[in-house]
Amino acid sequence: GWRWDGGELRVDPPLRLEADVPAT
């Protein structure tokens, strides 16, 4: 999933979220 100041969300398996760096 992902998180930020406004909240967080989990992705439903088997989905995955990948990122090398956060979005700023």
PDB file of all heavy atoms in Angstrom:
ATOM      1  N   GLY A   1       0.818  -1.204   0.000  1.00  0.00           N
ATOM      2  CA  GLY A   1       0.000   0.000   0.000  1.00  0.00           C
ATOM      3  C   GLY A   1       0.847   1.246   0.000  1.00  0.00           C
ATOM      4  O   GLY A   1       2.022   1.226  -0.352  1.00  0.00           O
ATOM      5  N   TRP A   2       0.241   2.361   0.422  1.00  0.00           N
ATOM      6  CA  TRP A   2       0.948   3.633   0.502  1.00  0.00           C
ATOM      7  C   TRP A   2       0.411   4.444   1.654  1.00  0.00           C
ATOM      8  O   TRP A   2      -0.654   4.174   2.179  1.00  0.00           O
ATOM      9  CB  TRP A   2       0.843   4.420  -0.798  1.00  0.00           C
ATOM     10  CG  TRP A   2      -0.527   4.887  -1.166  1.00  0.00           C
ATOM     11  CD1 TRP A   2      -1.144   6.047  -0.774  1.00  0.00           C
ATOM     12  CD2 TRP A   2      -1.472   4.223  -2.009  1.00  0.00           C
ATOM     13  NE1 TRP A   2      -2.399   6.138  -1.321  1.00  0.00           N
ATOM     14  CE2 TRP A   2      -2.628   5.023  -2.089  1.00  0.00           C
ATOM     15  CE3 TRP A   2      -1.460   3.019  -2.710  1.00  0.00           C
ATOM     16  CZ2 TRP A   2      -3.750   4.676  -2.831  1.00  0.00           C
ATOM     17  CZ3 TRP A   2      -2.570   2.670  -3.445  1.00  0.00           C
ATOM     18  CH2 TRP A   2      -3.701   3.490  -3.511  1.00  0.00           C
ATOM     19  N   ARG A   3       1.192   5.445   2.034  1.00  0.00           N
ATOM     20  CA  ARG A   3       0.772   6.347   3.102  1.00  0.00           C
ATOM     21  C   ARG A   3       1.281   7.756   2.822  1.00  0.00           C
ATOM     22  O   ARG A   3       2.283   7.927   2.150  1.00  0.00           O
ATOM     23  CB  ARG A   3       1.203   5.844   4.470  1.00  0.00           C
ATOM     24  CG  ARG A   3       2.664   5.650   4.661  1.00  0.00           C
ATOM     25  CD  ARG A   3       3.023   5.023   6.023  1.00  0.00           C
ATOM     26  NE  ARG A   3       2.766   3.605   6.029  1.00  0.00           N
ATOM     27  CZ  ARG A   3       1.952   2.980   6.890  1.00  0.00           C
ATOM     28  NH1 ARG A   3       1.341   3.655   7.827  1.00  0.00           N
ATOM     29  NH2 ARG A   3       1.757   1.691   6.824  1.00  0.00           N
ATOM     30  N   TRP A   4       0.530   8.709   3.357  1.00  0.00           N
ATOM     31  CA  TRP A   4       0.917  10.112   3.279  1.00  0.00           C
ATOM     32  C   TRP A   4       0.248  10.829   4.431  1.00  0.00           C
ATOM     33  O   TRP A   4      -0.476  10.208   5.214  1.00  0.00           O
ATOM     34  CB  TRP A   4       0.592  10.705   1.911  1.00  0.00           C
ATOM     35  CG  TRP A   4      -0.865  10.861   1.581  1.00  0.00           C
ATOM     36  CD1 TRP A   4      -1.751   9.864   1.290  1.00  0.00           C
ATOM     37  CD2 TRP A   4      -1.607  12.067   1.510  1.00  0.00           C
ATOM     38  NE1 TRP A   4      -2.987  10.380   1.039  1.00  0.00           N
ATOM     39  CE2 TRP A   4      -2.926  11.740   1.170  1.00  0.00           C
ATOM     40  CE3 TRP A   4      -1.289  13.402   1.694  1.00  0.00           C
ATOM     41  CZ2 TRP A   4      -3.929  12.695   1.016  1.00  0.00           C
ATOM     42  CZ3 TRP A   4      -2.287  14.340   1.524  1.00  0.00           C
ATOM     43  CH2 TRP A   4      -3.582  13.996   1.185  1.00  0.00           C
ATOM     44  N   ASP A   5       0.467  12.128   4.572  1.00  0.00           N
ATOM     45  CA  ASP A   5      -0.096  12.881   5.698  1.00  0.00           C
ATOM     46  C   ASP A   5      -1.619  12.787   5.758  1.00  0.00           C
ATOM     47  O   ASP A   5      -2.198  12.911   6.820  1.00  0.00           O
ATOM     48  CB  ASP A   5       0.302  14.353   5.618  1.00  0.00           C
ATOM     49  CG  ASP A   5       1.793  14.557   5.793  1.00  0.00           C
ATOM     50  OD1 ASP A   5       2.475  13.647   6.285  1.00  0.00           O
ATOM     51  OD2 ASP A   5       2.274  15.647   5.424  1.00  0.00           O
ATOM     52  N   GLY A   6      -2.249  12.577   4.619  1.00  0.00           N
ATOM     53  CA  GLY A   6      -3.707  12.527   4.553  1.00  0.00           C
ATOM     54  C   GLY A   6      -4.292  11.151   4.810  1.00  0.00           C
ATOM     55  O   GLY A   6      -5.512  10.983   4.834  1.00  0.00           O
ATOM     56  N   GLY A   7      -3.467  10.139   4.982  1.00  0.00           N
ATOM     57  CA  GLY A   7      -3.984   8.804   5.266  1.00  0.00           C
ATOM     58  C   GLY A   7      -3.135   7.715   4.635  1.00  0.00           C
ATOM     59  O   GLY A   7      -2.011   7.950   4.209  1.00  0.00           O
ATOM     60  N   GLU A   8      -3.708   6.557   4.591  1.00  0.00           N
ATOM     61  CA  GLU A   8      -3.014   5.413   4.003  1.00  0.00           C
ATOM     62  C   GLU A   8      -4.045   4.499   3.346  1.00  0.00           C
ATOM     63  O   GLU A   8      -5.226   4.559   3.658  1.00  0.00           O
ATOM     64  CB  GLU A   8      -2.216   4.647   5.042  1.00  0.00           C
ATOM     65  CG  GLU A   8      -3.050   4.024   6.138  1.00  0.00           C
ATOM     66  CD  GLU A   8      -2.191   3.310   7.160  1.00  0.00           C
ATOM     67  OE1 GLU A   8      -1.588   4.003   7.992  1.00  0.00           O
ATOM     68  OE2 GLU A   8      -2.142   2.070   7.102  1.00  0.00           O
ATOM     69  N   LEU A   9      -3.556   3.677   2.429  1.00  0.00           N
ATOM     70  CA  LEU A   9      -4.421   2.715   1.758  1.00  0.00           C
ATOM     71  C   LEU A   9      -3.631   1.447   1.506  1.00  0.00           C
ATOM     72  O   LEU A   9      -2.459   1.505   1.130  1.00  0.00           O
ATOM     73  CB  LEU A   9      -4.940   3.284   0.433  1.00  0.00           C
ATOM     74  CG  LEU A   9      -6.000   2.430  -0.259  1.00  0.00           C
ATOM     75  CD1 LEU A   9      -7.317   2.474   0.526  1.00  0.00           C
ATOM     76  CD2 LEU A   9      -6.244   2.907  -1.665  1.00  0.00           C
ATOM     77  N   ARG A  10      -4.251   0.327   1.715  1.00  0.00           N
ATOM     78  CA  ARG A  10      -3.649  -0.973   1.425  1.00  0.00           C
ATOM     79  C   ARG A  10      -4.192  -1.445   0.086  1.00  0.00           C
ATOM     80  O   ARG A  10      -5.350  -1.221  -0.233  1.00  0.00           O
ATOM     81  CB  ARG A  10      -4.014  -1.993   2.504  1.00  0.00           C
ATOM     82  CG  ARG A  10      -3.601  -1.616   3.910  1.00  0.00           C
ATOM     83  CD  ARG A  10      -2.129  -1.524   4.124  1.00  0.00           C
ATOM     84  NE  ARG A  10      -1.484  -2.828   3.987  1.00  0.00           N
ATOM     85  CZ  ARG A  10      -0.179  -3.009   3.944  1.00  0.00           C
ATOM     86  NH1 ARG A  10       0.633  -1.977   4.010  1.00  0.00           N
ATOM     87  NH2 ARG A  10       0.330  -4.197   3.816  1.00  0.00           N
ATOM     88  N   VAL A  11      -3.340  -2.085  -0.703  1.00  0.00           N
ATOM     89  CA  VAL A  11      -3.793  -2.661  -1.970  1.00  0.00           C
ATOM     90  C   VAL A  11      -4.223  -4.102  -1.716  1.00  0.00           C
ATOM     91  O   VAL A  11      -3.742  -4.757  -0.793  1.00  0.00           O
ATOM     92  CB  VAL A  11      -2.704  -2.599  -3.072  1.00  0.00           C
ATOM     93  CG1 VAL A  11      -2.394  -1.157  -3.415  1.00  0.00           C
ATOM     94  CG2 VAL A  11      -1.457  -3.329  -2.683  1.00  0.00           C
ATOM     95  N   ASP A  12      -5.151  -4.568  -2.532  1.00  0.00           N
ATOM     96  CA  ASP A  12      -5.660  -5.932  -2.400  1.00  0.00           C
ATOM     97  C   ASP A  12      -4.702  -6.921  -3.049  1.00  0.00           C
ATOM     98  O   ASP A  12      -4.376  -6.769  -4.226  1.00  0.00           O
ATOM     99  CB  ASP A  12      -7.028  -6.064  -3.077  1.00  0.00           C
ATOM    100  CG  ASP A  12      -8.082  -5.182  -2.431  1.00  0.00           C
ATOM    101  OD1 ASP A  12      -7.993  -4.971  -1.211  1.00  0.00           O
ATOM    102  OD2 ASP A  12      -8.982  -4.715  -3.148  1.00  0.00           O
ATOM    103  N   PRO A  13      -4.244  -7.932  -2.307  1.00  0.00           N
ATOM    104  CA  PRO A  13      -3.407  -8.968  -2.930  1.00  0.00           C
ATOM    105  C   PRO A  13      -4.162  -9.641  -4.068  1.00  0.00           C
ATOM    106  O   PRO A  13      -5.385  -9.743  -3.989  1.00  0.00           O
ATOM    107  CB  PRO A  13      -3.154  -9.948  -1.793  1.00  0.00           C
ATOM    108  CG  PRO A  13      -3.409  -9.170  -0.539  1.00  0.00           C
ATOM    109  CD  PRO A  13      -4.448  -8.145  -0.899  1.00  0.00           C
ATOM    110  N   PRO A  14      -3.517 -10.047  -5.118  1.00  0.00           N
ATOM    111  CA  PRO A  14      -2.078 -10.153  -5.285  1.00  0.00           C
ATOM    112  C   PRO A  14      -1.428  -8.882  -5.818  1.00  0.00           C
ATOM    113  O   PRO A  14      -0.260  -8.908  -6.211  1.00  0.00           O
ATOM    114  CB  PRO A  14      -1.938 -11.286  -6.296  1.00  0.00           C
ATOM    115  CG  PRO A  14      -3.114 -11.094  -7.199  1.00  0.00           C
ATOM    116  CD  PRO A  14      -4.221 -10.630  -6.275  1.00  0.00           C
ATOM    117  N   LEU A  15      -2.143  -7.770  -5.834  1.00  0.00           N
ATOM    118  CA  LEU A  15      -1.554  -6.525  -6.315  1.00  0.00           C
ATOM    119  C   LEU A  15      -0.467  -6.047  -5.360  1.00  0.00           C
ATOM    120  O   LEU A  15      -0.543  -6.275  -4.151  1.00  0.00           O
ATOM    121  CB  LEU A  15      -2.623  -5.437  -6.454  1.00  0.00           C
ATOM    122  CG  LEU A  15      -3.760  -5.727  -7.425  1.00  0.00           C
ATOM    123  CD1 LEU A  15      -4.760  -4.584  -7.412  1.00  0.00           C
ATOM    124  CD2 LEU A  15      -3.238  -5.978  -8.823  1.00  0.00           C
ATOM    125  N   ARG A  16       0.532  -5.387  -5.942  1.00  0.00           N
ATOM    126  CA  ARG A  16       1.629  -4.814  -5.166  1.00  0.00           C
ATOM    127  C   ARG A  16       1.951  -3.431  -5.713  1.00  0.00           C
ATOM    128  O   ARG A  16       1.783  -3.183  -6.898  1.00  0.00           O
ATOM    129  CB  ARG A  16       2.885  -5.688  -5.267  1.00  0.00           C
ATOM    130  CG  ARG A  16       2.754  -7.027  -4.579  1.00  0.00           C
ATOM    131  CD  ARG A  16       4.033  -7.843  -4.609  1.00  0.00           C
ATOM    132  NE  ARG A  16       5.284  -7.123  -4.449  1.00  0.00           N
ATOM    133  CZ  ARG A  16       5.800  -6.698  -3.280  1.00  0.00           C
ATOM    134  NH1 ARG A  16       5.140  -6.911  -2.176  1.00  0.00           N
ATOM    135  NH2 ARG A  16       6.945  -6.050  -3.236  1.00  0.00           N
ATOM    136  N   LEU A  17       2.423  -2.571  -4.842  1.00  0.00           N
ATOM    137  CA  LEU A  17       2.840  -1.238  -5.234  1.00  0.00           C
ATOM    138  C   LEU A  17       4.336  -1.113  -4.990  1.00  0.00           C
ATOM    139  O   LEU A  17       4.819  -1.412  -3.898  1.00  0.00           O
ATOM    140  CB  LEU A  17       2.103  -0.171  -4.423  1.00  0.00           C
ATOM    141  CG  LEU A  17       2.496   1.271  -4.735  1.00  0.00           C
ATOM    142  CD1 LEU A  17       2.070   1.654  -6.150  1.00  0.00           C
ATOM    143  CD2 LEU A  17       1.892   2.216  -3.725  1.00  0.00           C
ATOM    144  N   GLU A  18       5.053  -0.680  -6.017  1.00  0.00           N
ATOM    145  CA  GLU A  18       6.498  -0.518  -5.904  1.00  0.00           C
ATOM    146  C   GLU A  18       6.876   0.909  -6.285  1.00  0.00           C
ATOM    147  O   GLU A  18       6.277   1.497  -7.184  1.00  0.00           O
ATOM    148  CB  GLU A  18       7.216  -1.504  -6.819  1.00  0.00           C
ATOM    149  CG  GLU A  18       6.918  -2.947  -6.476  1.00  0.00           C
ATOM    150  CD  GLU A  18       7.450  -3.919  -7.521  1.00  0.00           C
ATOM    151  OE1 GLU A  18       8.009  -3.465  -8.538  1.00  0.00           O
ATOM    152  OE2 GLU A  18       7.294  -5.123  -7.307  1.00  0.00           O
ATOM    153  N   ALA A  19       7.880   1.443  -5.579  1.00  0.00           N
ATOM    154  CA  ALA A  19       8.420   2.766  -5.891  1.00  0.00           C
ATOM    155  C   ALA A  19       9.823   2.847  -5.320  1.00  0.00           C
ATOM    156  O   ALA A  19      10.072   2.362  -4.212  1.00  0.00           O
ATOM    157  CB  ALA A  19       7.546   3.861  -5.304  1.00  0.00           C
ATOM    158  N   ASP A  20      10.734   3.431  -6.092  1.00  0.00           N
ATOM    159  CA  ASP A  20      12.103   3.603  -5.603  1.00  0.00           C
ATOM    160  C   ASP A  20      12.197   4.739  -4.592  1.00  0.00           C
ATOM    161  O   ASP A  20      12.959   4.670  -3.644  1.00  0.00           O
ATOM    162  CB  ASP A  20      13.058   3.887  -6.763  1.00  0.00           C
ATOM    163  CG  ASP A  20      13.220   2.678  -7.673  1.00  0.00           C
ATOM    164  OD1 ASP A  20      13.029   1.547  -7.193  1.00  0.00           O
ATOM    165  OD2 ASP A  20      13.529   2.875  -8.849  1.00  0.00           O
ATOM    166  N   VAL A  21      11.441   5.800  -4.830  1.00  0.00           N
ATOM    167  CA  VAL A  21      11.449   6.969  -3.942  1.00  0.00           C
ATOM    168  C   VAL A  21      10.017   7.444  -3.737  1.00  0.00           C
ATOM    169  O   VAL A  21       9.148   7.209  -4.579  1.00  0.00           O
ATOM    170  CB  VAL A  21      12.296   8.128  -4.532  1.00  0.00           C
ATOM    171  CG1 VAL A  21      13.750   7.733  -4.662  1.00  0.00           C
ATOM    172  CG2 VAL A  21      11.747   8.586  -5.859  1.00  0.00           C
ATOM    173  N   PRO A  22       9.745   8.128  -2.632  1.00  0.00           N
ATOM    174  CA  PRO A  22       8.405   8.684  -2.445  1.00  0.00           C
ATOM    175  C   PRO A  22       8.170   9.864  -3.382  1.00  0.00           C
ATOM    176  O   PRO A  22       9.113  10.478  -3.863  1.00  0.00           O
ATOM    177  CB  PRO A  22       8.407   9.151  -0.987  1.00  0.00           C
ATOM    178  CG  PRO A  22       9.794   9.089  -0.509  1.00  0.00           C
ATOM    179  CD  PRO A  22      10.619   8.341  -1.496  1.00  0.00           C
ATOM    180  N   ALA A  23       6.914  10.145  -3.622  1.00  0.00           N
ATOM    181  CA  ALA A  23       6.553  11.358  -4.356  1.00  0.00           C
ATOM    182  C   ALA A  23       6.569  12.497  -3.346  1.00  0.00           C
ATOM    183  O   ALA A  23       5.907  12.421  -2.316  1.00  0.00           O
ATOM    184  CB  ALA A  23       5.173  11.214  -4.979  1.00  0.00           C
ATOM    185  N   THR A  24       7.335  13.526  -3.646  1.00  0.00           N
ATOM    186  CA  THR A  24       7.387  14.711  -2.783  1.00  0.00           C
ATOM    187  C   THR A  24       6.900  15.895  -3.595  1.00  0.00           C
ATOM    188  O   THR A  24       7.460  16.205  -4.647  1.00  0.00           O
ATOM    189  CB  THR A  24       8.814  14.976  -2.269  1.00  0.00           C
ATOM    190  OG1 THR A  24       9.275  13.811  -1.577  1.00  0.00           O
ATOM    191  CG2 THR A  24       8.838  16.168  -1.328  1.00  0.00           C
TER     192      THR A  24
END
